[in-house]
N, C-alpha and C. Protein backbone atom coordinates (compact mmCIF):
# COMPACT_ATOMS: atom_id res chain seq x y z
N UNK A 1 6.47 -15.64 4.14
CA UNK A 1 6.83 -14.33 4.65
C UNK A 1 5.67 -13.37 4.34
N UNK A 2 5.14 -12.66 5.35
CA UNK A 2 4.05 -11.71 5.12
C UNK A 2 4.48 -10.56 4.20
N UNK A 3 3.51 -10.07 3.44
CA UNK A 3 3.76 -9.00 2.49
C UNK A 3 3.03 -7.73 2.94
N UNK A 4 3.74 -6.61 2.88
CA UNK A 4 3.18 -5.31 3.24
C UNK A 4 3.29 -4.38 2.04
N UNK A 5 2.19 -3.71 1.74
CA UNK A 5 2.16 -2.72 0.67
C UNK A 5 2.17 -1.33 1.30
N UNK A 6 3.14 -0.50 0.92
CA UNK A 6 3.21 0.89 1.37
C UNK A 6 2.74 1.76 0.21
N UNK A 7 1.68 2.53 0.45
CA UNK A 7 1.21 3.49 -0.55
C UNK A 7 1.45 4.87 0.04
N UNK A 8 2.50 5.52 -0.43
CA UNK A 8 2.98 6.78 0.16
C UNK A 8 3.72 7.56 -0.91
N UNK A 9 3.46 8.86 -1.00
CA UNK A 9 4.09 9.67 -2.05
C UNK A 9 5.38 10.37 -1.62
N UNK A 10 5.81 10.18 -0.40
CA UNK A 10 7.06 10.77 0.09
C UNK A 10 8.19 9.73 0.00
N UNK A 11 9.09 9.84 -0.97
CA UNK A 11 10.12 8.82 -1.17
C UNK A 11 11.00 8.54 0.05
N UNK A 12 11.32 9.56 0.82
CA UNK A 12 12.18 9.33 1.99
C UNK A 12 11.47 8.51 3.06
N UNK A 13 10.19 8.76 3.26
CA UNK A 13 9.41 7.98 4.21
C UNK A 13 9.29 6.53 3.75
N UNK A 14 9.07 6.33 2.46
CA UNK A 14 9.00 4.98 1.90
C UNK A 14 10.33 4.26 2.14
N UNK A 15 11.42 4.95 1.92
CA UNK A 15 12.76 4.37 2.10
C UNK A 15 12.97 3.90 3.54
N UNK A 16 12.59 4.73 4.50
CA UNK A 16 12.75 4.38 5.91
C UNK A 16 11.85 3.21 6.29
N UNK A 17 10.58 3.30 5.93
CA UNK A 17 9.64 2.22 6.24
C UNK A 17 10.09 0.89 5.61
N UNK A 18 10.47 0.95 4.34
CA UNK A 18 10.94 -0.26 3.65
C UNK A 18 12.13 -0.87 4.38
N UNK A 19 13.08 -0.05 4.77
CA UNK A 19 14.27 -0.54 5.44
C UNK A 19 13.92 -1.27 6.74
N UNK A 20 13.10 -0.65 7.58
CA UNK A 20 12.71 -1.28 8.84
C UNK A 20 11.94 -2.57 8.61
N UNK A 21 11.01 -2.55 7.68
CA UNK A 21 10.18 -3.73 7.44
C UNK A 21 10.98 -4.87 6.83
N UNK A 22 11.88 -4.57 5.93
CA UNK A 22 12.71 -5.62 5.34
C UNK A 22 13.66 -6.21 6.38
N UNK A 23 14.17 -5.39 7.29
CA UNK A 23 15.01 -5.91 8.38
C UNK A 23 14.22 -6.86 9.27
N UNK A 24 12.91 -6.61 9.37
CA UNK A 24 12.04 -7.49 10.16
C UNK A 24 11.54 -8.68 9.33
N UNK A 25 12.10 -8.84 8.13
CA UNK A 25 11.86 -9.97 7.23
C UNK A 25 10.47 -9.99 6.61
N UNK A 26 9.92 -8.81 6.34
CA UNK A 26 8.69 -8.71 5.56
C UNK A 26 9.04 -8.50 4.09
N UNK A 27 8.17 -8.96 3.21
CA UNK A 27 8.26 -8.61 1.81
C UNK A 27 7.54 -7.28 1.67
N UNK A 28 8.17 -6.30 1.02
CA UNK A 28 7.61 -4.96 0.93
C UNK A 28 7.37 -4.58 -0.53
N UNK A 29 6.14 -4.14 -0.79
CA UNK A 29 5.76 -3.59 -2.09
C UNK A 29 5.50 -2.11 -1.88
N UNK A 30 5.75 -1.28 -2.90
CA UNK A 30 5.53 0.15 -2.74
C UNK A 30 4.82 0.74 -3.95
N UNK A 31 4.09 1.81 -3.68
CA UNK A 31 3.46 2.61 -4.72
C UNK A 31 3.50 4.06 -4.26
N UNK A 32 3.69 4.96 -5.22
CA UNK A 32 3.78 6.39 -4.91
C UNK A 32 2.52 7.14 -5.31
N UNK A 33 1.56 6.43 -5.91
CA UNK A 33 0.27 7.02 -6.32
C UNK A 33 -0.85 6.11 -5.82
N UNK A 34 -1.98 6.72 -5.52
CA UNK A 34 -3.11 5.94 -5.03
C UNK A 34 -3.63 4.94 -6.05
N UNK A 35 -3.79 5.37 -7.29
CA UNK A 35 -4.33 4.47 -8.31
C UNK A 35 -3.41 3.29 -8.58
N UNK A 36 -2.12 3.52 -8.61
CA UNK A 36 -1.19 2.40 -8.84
C UNK A 36 -1.11 1.50 -7.61
N UNK A 37 -1.26 2.09 -6.42
CA UNK A 37 -1.28 1.29 -5.20
C UNK A 37 -2.46 0.34 -5.17
N UNK A 38 -3.63 0.83 -5.59
CA UNK A 38 -4.81 -0.02 -5.63
C UNK A 38 -4.62 -1.15 -6.65
N UNK A 39 -3.99 -0.85 -7.76
CA UNK A 39 -3.71 -1.88 -8.77
C UNK A 39 -2.78 -2.95 -8.21
N UNK A 40 -1.74 -2.53 -7.51
CA UNK A 40 -0.81 -3.50 -6.89
C UNK A 40 -1.57 -4.35 -5.89
N UNK A 41 -2.41 -3.71 -5.05
CA UNK A 41 -3.20 -4.47 -4.07
C UNK A 41 -4.06 -5.51 -4.78
N UNK A 42 -4.70 -5.12 -5.86
CA UNK A 42 -5.59 -6.02 -6.60
C UNK A 42 -4.84 -7.25 -7.12
N UNK A 43 -3.62 -7.07 -7.60
CA UNK A 43 -2.87 -8.18 -8.19
C UNK A 43 -2.06 -9.00 -7.18
N UNK A 44 -1.61 -8.38 -6.11
CA UNK A 44 -0.73 -9.07 -5.16
C UNK A 44 -1.41 -9.47 -3.85
N UNK A 45 -2.50 -8.80 -3.48
CA UNK A 45 -3.25 -9.06 -2.24
C UNK A 45 -2.32 -9.19 -1.02
N UNK A 46 -1.65 -8.10 -0.66
CA UNK A 46 -0.73 -8.14 0.49
C UNK A 46 -1.49 -8.39 1.79
N UNK A 47 -0.74 -8.75 2.80
CA UNK A 47 -1.32 -9.02 4.12
C UNK A 47 -1.69 -7.74 4.86
N UNK A 48 -1.00 -6.64 4.55
CA UNK A 48 -1.22 -5.37 5.23
C UNK A 48 -0.93 -4.23 4.26
N UNK A 49 -1.70 -3.14 4.39
CA UNK A 49 -1.45 -1.94 3.60
C UNK A 49 -1.18 -0.78 4.55
N UNK A 50 -0.06 -0.10 4.35
CA UNK A 50 0.23 1.15 5.05
C UNK A 50 -0.10 2.25 4.05
N UNK A 51 -1.06 3.09 4.42
CA UNK A 51 -1.69 3.97 3.45
C UNK A 51 -1.67 5.42 3.90
N UNK A 52 -1.14 6.29 3.04
CA UNK A 52 -1.20 7.74 3.25
C UNK A 52 -2.60 8.20 2.83
N UNK A 53 -3.10 9.25 3.44
CA UNK A 53 -4.42 9.76 3.08
C UNK A 53 -4.37 10.70 1.89
N UNK A 54 -3.33 11.51 1.79
CA UNK A 54 -3.24 12.52 0.74
C UNK A 54 -2.28 12.04 -0.34
N UNK A 55 -2.85 11.46 -1.40
CA UNK A 55 -2.04 10.87 -2.47
C UNK A 55 -2.46 11.39 -3.83
N UNK A 56 -1.54 11.45 -4.78
CA UNK A 56 -1.94 11.76 -6.16
C UNK A 56 -2.63 10.54 -6.77
N UNK A 57 -3.52 10.79 -7.71
CA UNK A 57 -4.17 9.70 -8.44
C UNK A 57 -5.44 9.20 -7.80
N UNK A 58 -5.46 9.05 -6.49
CA UNK A 58 -6.63 8.58 -5.75
C UNK A 58 -6.30 8.74 -4.27
N UNK A 59 -7.19 9.38 -3.50
CA UNK A 59 -6.83 9.62 -2.09
C UNK A 59 -6.98 8.35 -1.26
N UNK A 60 -6.31 8.36 -0.11
CA UNK A 60 -6.23 7.19 0.75
C UNK A 60 -7.58 6.69 1.26
N UNK A 61 -8.50 7.60 1.57
CA UNK A 61 -9.82 7.17 2.05
C UNK A 61 -10.56 6.40 0.97
N UNK A 62 -10.48 6.86 -0.27
CA UNK A 62 -11.14 6.14 -1.36
C UNK A 62 -10.49 4.79 -1.61
N UNK A 63 -9.18 4.71 -1.44
CA UNK A 63 -8.49 3.43 -1.59
C UNK A 63 -8.97 2.47 -0.51
N UNK A 64 -9.03 2.93 0.73
CA UNK A 64 -9.48 2.08 1.83
C UNK A 64 -10.92 1.60 1.59
N UNK A 65 -11.77 2.49 1.14
CA UNK A 65 -13.16 2.11 0.85
C UNK A 65 -13.22 1.07 -0.27
N UNK A 66 -12.41 1.27 -1.29
CA UNK A 66 -12.42 0.36 -2.43
C UNK A 66 -11.88 -1.01 -2.04
N UNK A 67 -10.83 -1.05 -1.25
CA UNK A 67 -10.29 -2.33 -0.78
C UNK A 67 -11.35 -3.06 0.04
N UNK A 68 -11.99 -2.34 0.94
CA UNK A 68 -13.03 -2.96 1.76
C UNK A 68 -14.18 -3.47 0.89
N UNK A 69 -14.60 -2.68 -0.08
CA UNK A 69 -15.69 -3.10 -0.97
C UNK A 69 -15.32 -4.35 -1.74
N UNK A 70 -14.10 -4.39 -2.23
CA UNK A 70 -13.66 -5.54 -3.02
C UNK A 70 -13.45 -6.79 -2.16
N UNK A 71 -13.12 -6.60 -0.89
CA UNK A 71 -12.97 -7.74 0.01
C UNK A 71 -14.34 -8.32 0.36
N UNK A 72 -15.34 -7.47 0.52
CA UNK A 72 -16.68 -7.93 0.87
C UNK A 72 -17.41 -8.49 -0.35
N UNK A 73 -17.22 -7.86 -1.51
CA UNK A 73 -17.87 -8.27 -2.76
C UNK A 73 -16.84 -8.51 -3.85
N UNK A 74 -16.09 -9.61 -3.76
CA UNK A 74 -15.02 -9.84 -4.75
C UNK A 74 -15.50 -9.99 -6.17
C-alpha cells in the first residue's frame, strides 16, 4: 500500500485529507511542523509528500529542497 506524508499545520485540513486518502486505501503519515515532517520523511521514506509552504519549524520550500538534496546525495 503506498504511503503519503502530509505536512500541514491546519488540523482540520489534515483531518479531511487523511480521511479521503485512507478511504482510497493509502497509508497516511502526518506532521504539523516542517522540522518534524522532514524527520518523518527521513525515517519512513513515503511515496508522496503533500506539503504546505508556510509551516512552523521549517518552511515548505526548504523541506522540498532538503528532500531533493537528500534524494540526489543520500
